[in-house]
């Protein structure tokens, strides 16, 4: 998979091609209805370098619970 990619399957803009060492897909994912629960965690090793001058990430500290 590409990390930092703007365009799918492209290394444009400094994206890096990495391989998942461990992969955990969402337990409710279905290939039939892939638009729902289309998320996974991927452990990569070695870590990738992300140029922080090009990227800004801000976490929303306000919790919204969907119960």
N, C-alpha and C. Protein backbone atom coordinates (compact mmCIF):
# COMPACT_ATOMS: atom_id res chain seq x y z
N UNK A 1 0.84 -1.15 0.00
CA UNK A 1 0.00 0.00 0.00
C UNK A 1 0.90 1.22 0.00
N UNK A 2 0.33 2.34 -0.43
CA UNK A 2 1.08 3.59 -0.43
C UNK A 2 0.70 4.42 0.79
N UNK A 3 1.69 4.98 1.46
CA UNK A 3 1.48 5.86 2.60
C UNK A 3 1.80 7.27 2.13
N UNK A 4 0.87 8.17 2.39
CA UNK A 4 1.06 9.55 1.99
C UNK A 4 0.64 9.83 0.56
N UNK A 5 -0.03 8.88 -0.06
CA UNK A 5 -0.42 9.04 -1.46
C UNK A 5 -1.63 9.96 -1.60
N UNK A 6 -1.57 10.83 -2.57
CA UNK A 6 -2.73 11.64 -2.91
C UNK A 6 -3.54 10.93 -3.98
N UNK A 7 -2.86 10.31 -4.91
CA UNK A 7 -3.53 9.56 -5.96
C UNK A 7 -3.33 8.08 -5.73
N UNK A 8 -4.37 7.34 -5.92
CA UNK A 8 -4.34 5.89 -5.67
C UNK A 8 -3.24 5.21 -6.49
N UNK A 9 -2.48 4.37 -5.82
CA UNK A 9 -1.40 3.58 -6.42
C UNK A 9 -0.38 4.45 -7.14
N UNK A 10 -0.02 5.56 -6.51
CA UNK A 10 0.96 6.47 -7.09
C UNK A 10 1.92 6.93 -6.00
N UNK A 11 3.19 7.09 -6.37
CA UNK A 11 4.15 7.62 -5.41
C UNK A 11 4.35 9.12 -5.61
N UNK A 12 3.43 9.73 -6.33
CA UNK A 12 3.47 11.18 -6.55
C UNK A 12 3.45 11.91 -5.21
N UNK A 13 4.21 12.96 -5.10
CA UNK A 13 4.22 13.77 -3.89
C UNK A 13 4.96 13.15 -2.73
N UNK A 14 5.86 12.20 -3.00
CA UNK A 14 6.66 11.62 -1.94
C UNK A 14 6.03 10.46 -1.21
N UNK A 15 4.96 9.90 -1.74
CA UNK A 15 4.34 8.72 -1.12
C UNK A 15 5.33 7.56 -1.11
N UNK A 16 5.17 6.67 -0.13
CA UNK A 16 6.08 5.54 0.03
C UNK A 16 5.31 4.23 -0.06
N UNK A 17 5.84 3.29 -0.82
CA UNK A 17 5.24 1.96 -0.94
C UNK A 17 5.70 1.12 0.25
N UNK A 18 4.75 0.58 1.01
CA UNK A 18 5.06 -0.23 2.20
C UNK A 18 4.28 -1.54 2.16
N UNK A 19 4.70 -2.48 2.97
CA UNK A 19 4.03 -3.76 3.10
C UNK A 19 3.54 -3.93 4.52
N UNK A 20 2.33 -4.43 4.68
CA UNK A 20 1.78 -4.68 6.01
C UNK A 20 2.47 -5.91 6.61
N UNK A 21 3.02 -5.74 7.81
CA UNK A 21 3.58 -6.87 8.54
C UNK A 21 2.48 -7.62 9.29
N UNK A 22 1.50 -6.85 9.77
CA UNK A 22 0.32 -7.41 10.42
C UNK A 22 -0.88 -6.61 9.92
N UNK A 23 -2.01 -7.28 9.73
CA UNK A 23 -3.20 -6.65 9.17
C UNK A 23 -4.41 -7.13 9.96
N UNK A 24 -5.23 -6.18 10.42
CA UNK A 24 -6.46 -6.53 11.13
C UNK A 24 -7.60 -5.78 10.46
N UNK A 25 -8.45 -6.51 9.77
CA UNK A 25 -9.59 -5.92 9.10
C UNK A 25 -10.77 -5.78 10.06
N UNK A 26 -11.71 -4.91 9.71
CA UNK A 26 -12.91 -4.73 10.54
C UNK A 26 -13.70 -6.04 10.54
N UNK A 27 -14.15 -6.51 11.71
CA UNK A 27 -14.84 -7.81 11.77
C UNK A 27 -16.17 -7.82 11.01
N UNK A 28 -16.77 -6.67 10.75
CA UNK A 28 -18.04 -6.64 10.02
C UNK A 28 -17.88 -6.33 8.54
N UNK A 29 -16.64 -6.30 8.04
CA UNK A 29 -16.42 -6.03 6.63
C UNK A 29 -16.97 -7.16 5.78
N UNK A 30 -17.60 -6.80 4.66
CA UNK A 30 -18.13 -7.77 3.72
C UNK A 30 -17.74 -7.35 2.31
N UNK A 31 -17.22 -8.28 1.53
CA UNK A 31 -16.85 -7.98 0.15
C UNK A 31 -18.08 -7.64 -0.70
N UNK A 32 -19.24 -8.09 -0.26
CA UNK A 32 -20.48 -7.80 -0.99
C UNK A 32 -20.90 -6.35 -0.77
N UNK A 33 -20.82 -5.88 0.48
CA UNK A 33 -21.19 -4.51 0.82
C UNK A 33 -19.95 -3.80 1.36
N UNK A 34 -18.94 -3.64 0.50
CA UNK A 34 -17.64 -3.15 0.96
C UNK A 34 -17.61 -1.68 1.34
N UNK A 35 -18.67 -0.94 1.05
CA UNK A 35 -18.68 0.48 1.43
C UNK A 35 -18.83 0.65 2.93
N UNK A 36 -19.39 -0.34 3.60
CA UNK A 36 -19.54 -0.29 5.06
C UNK A 36 -18.38 -1.01 5.72
N UNK A 37 -17.85 -0.43 6.77
CA UNK A 37 -16.78 -1.03 7.57
C UNK A 37 -15.51 -1.27 6.75
N UNK A 38 -15.29 -0.44 5.74
CA UNK A 38 -14.10 -0.58 4.90
C UNK A 38 -12.92 0.13 5.57
N UNK A 39 -12.43 -0.49 6.65
CA UNK A 39 -11.32 0.08 7.41
C UNK A 39 -10.50 -1.06 8.00
N UNK A 40 -9.21 -0.82 8.15
CA UNK A 40 -8.34 -1.85 8.73
C UNK A 40 -7.14 -1.17 9.38
N UNK A 41 -6.50 -1.90 10.25
CA UNK A 41 -5.23 -1.45 10.84
C UNK A 41 -4.11 -2.25 10.18
N UNK A 42 -3.04 -1.56 9.88
CA UNK A 42 -1.91 -2.20 9.22
C UNK A 42 -0.63 -1.79 9.94
N UNK A 43 0.08 -2.77 10.46
CA UNK A 43 1.37 -2.48 11.10
C UNK A 43 2.45 -2.57 10.03
N UNK A 44 3.20 -1.48 9.90
CA UNK A 44 4.27 -1.45 8.91
C UNK A 44 5.61 -1.39 9.61
N UNK A 45 6.59 -2.01 9.02
CA UNK A 45 7.94 -2.01 9.56
C UNK A 45 8.90 -2.16 8.39
N UNK A 46 9.79 -1.26 8.18
CA UNK A 46 10.17 -0.14 9.05
C UNK A 46 9.18 1.01 8.94
N UNK A 47 9.24 1.92 9.92
CA UNK A 47 8.36 3.08 9.88
C UNK A 47 8.64 3.95 8.65
N UNK A 48 7.65 4.71 8.26
CA UNK A 48 7.82 5.62 7.12
C UNK A 48 8.15 7.02 7.63
N UNK A 49 8.83 7.78 6.80
CA UNK A 49 9.12 9.17 7.11
C UNK A 49 8.05 10.04 6.48
N UNK A 50 7.46 10.92 7.26
CA UNK A 50 6.48 11.87 6.74
C UNK A 50 7.03 13.26 6.99
N UNK A 51 7.22 14.00 5.92
CA UNK A 51 7.73 15.37 6.01
C UNK A 51 6.66 16.25 6.63
N UNK A 52 6.86 16.65 7.87
CA UNK A 52 5.86 17.42 8.60
C UNK A 52 5.65 18.83 8.04
N UNK A 53 6.54 19.29 7.19
CA UNK A 53 6.33 20.59 6.57
C UNK A 53 5.25 20.53 5.50
N UNK A 54 4.91 19.32 5.06
CA UNK A 54 3.90 19.12 4.03
C UNK A 54 2.57 18.62 4.58
N UNK A 55 2.56 18.18 5.85
CA UNK A 55 1.37 17.53 6.42
C UNK A 55 1.04 18.16 7.76
N UNK A 56 -0.24 18.34 8.01
CA UNK A 56 -0.68 18.83 9.30
C UNK A 56 -1.82 17.94 9.77
N UNK A 57 -1.67 17.35 10.93
CA UNK A 57 -2.69 16.47 11.50
C UNK A 57 -3.12 17.03 12.84
N UNK A 58 -4.41 17.21 12.99
CA UNK A 58 -4.95 17.70 14.25
C UNK A 58 -6.05 16.76 14.70
N UNK A 59 -5.94 16.28 15.92
CA UNK A 59 -6.95 15.38 16.47
C UNK A 59 -8.07 16.19 17.10
N UNK A 60 -9.28 15.77 16.84
CA UNK A 60 -10.44 16.42 17.44
C UNK A 60 -10.61 15.83 18.84
N UNK A 61 -10.36 16.63 19.85
CA UNK A 61 -10.43 16.16 21.24
C UNK A 61 -11.85 16.11 21.77
N UNK A 62 -12.83 16.64 21.04
CA UNK A 62 -14.21 16.58 21.48
C UNK A 62 -14.77 15.21 21.11
N UNK A 63 -15.17 14.48 22.11
CA UNK A 63 -15.67 13.12 21.89
C UNK A 63 -17.13 13.14 21.48
N UNK A 64 -17.43 12.42 20.43
CA UNK A 64 -18.81 12.23 20.00
C UNK A 64 -19.09 10.73 20.09
N UNK A 65 -20.01 10.37 20.92
CA UNK A 65 -20.33 8.94 21.07
C UNK A 65 -21.63 8.63 20.35
N UNK A 66 -21.61 7.55 19.62
CA UNK A 66 -22.79 7.10 18.89
C UNK A 66 -23.37 5.90 19.61
N UNK A 67 -24.24 6.12 20.56
CA UNK A 67 -24.85 5.03 21.32
C UNK A 67 -26.31 4.93 21.02
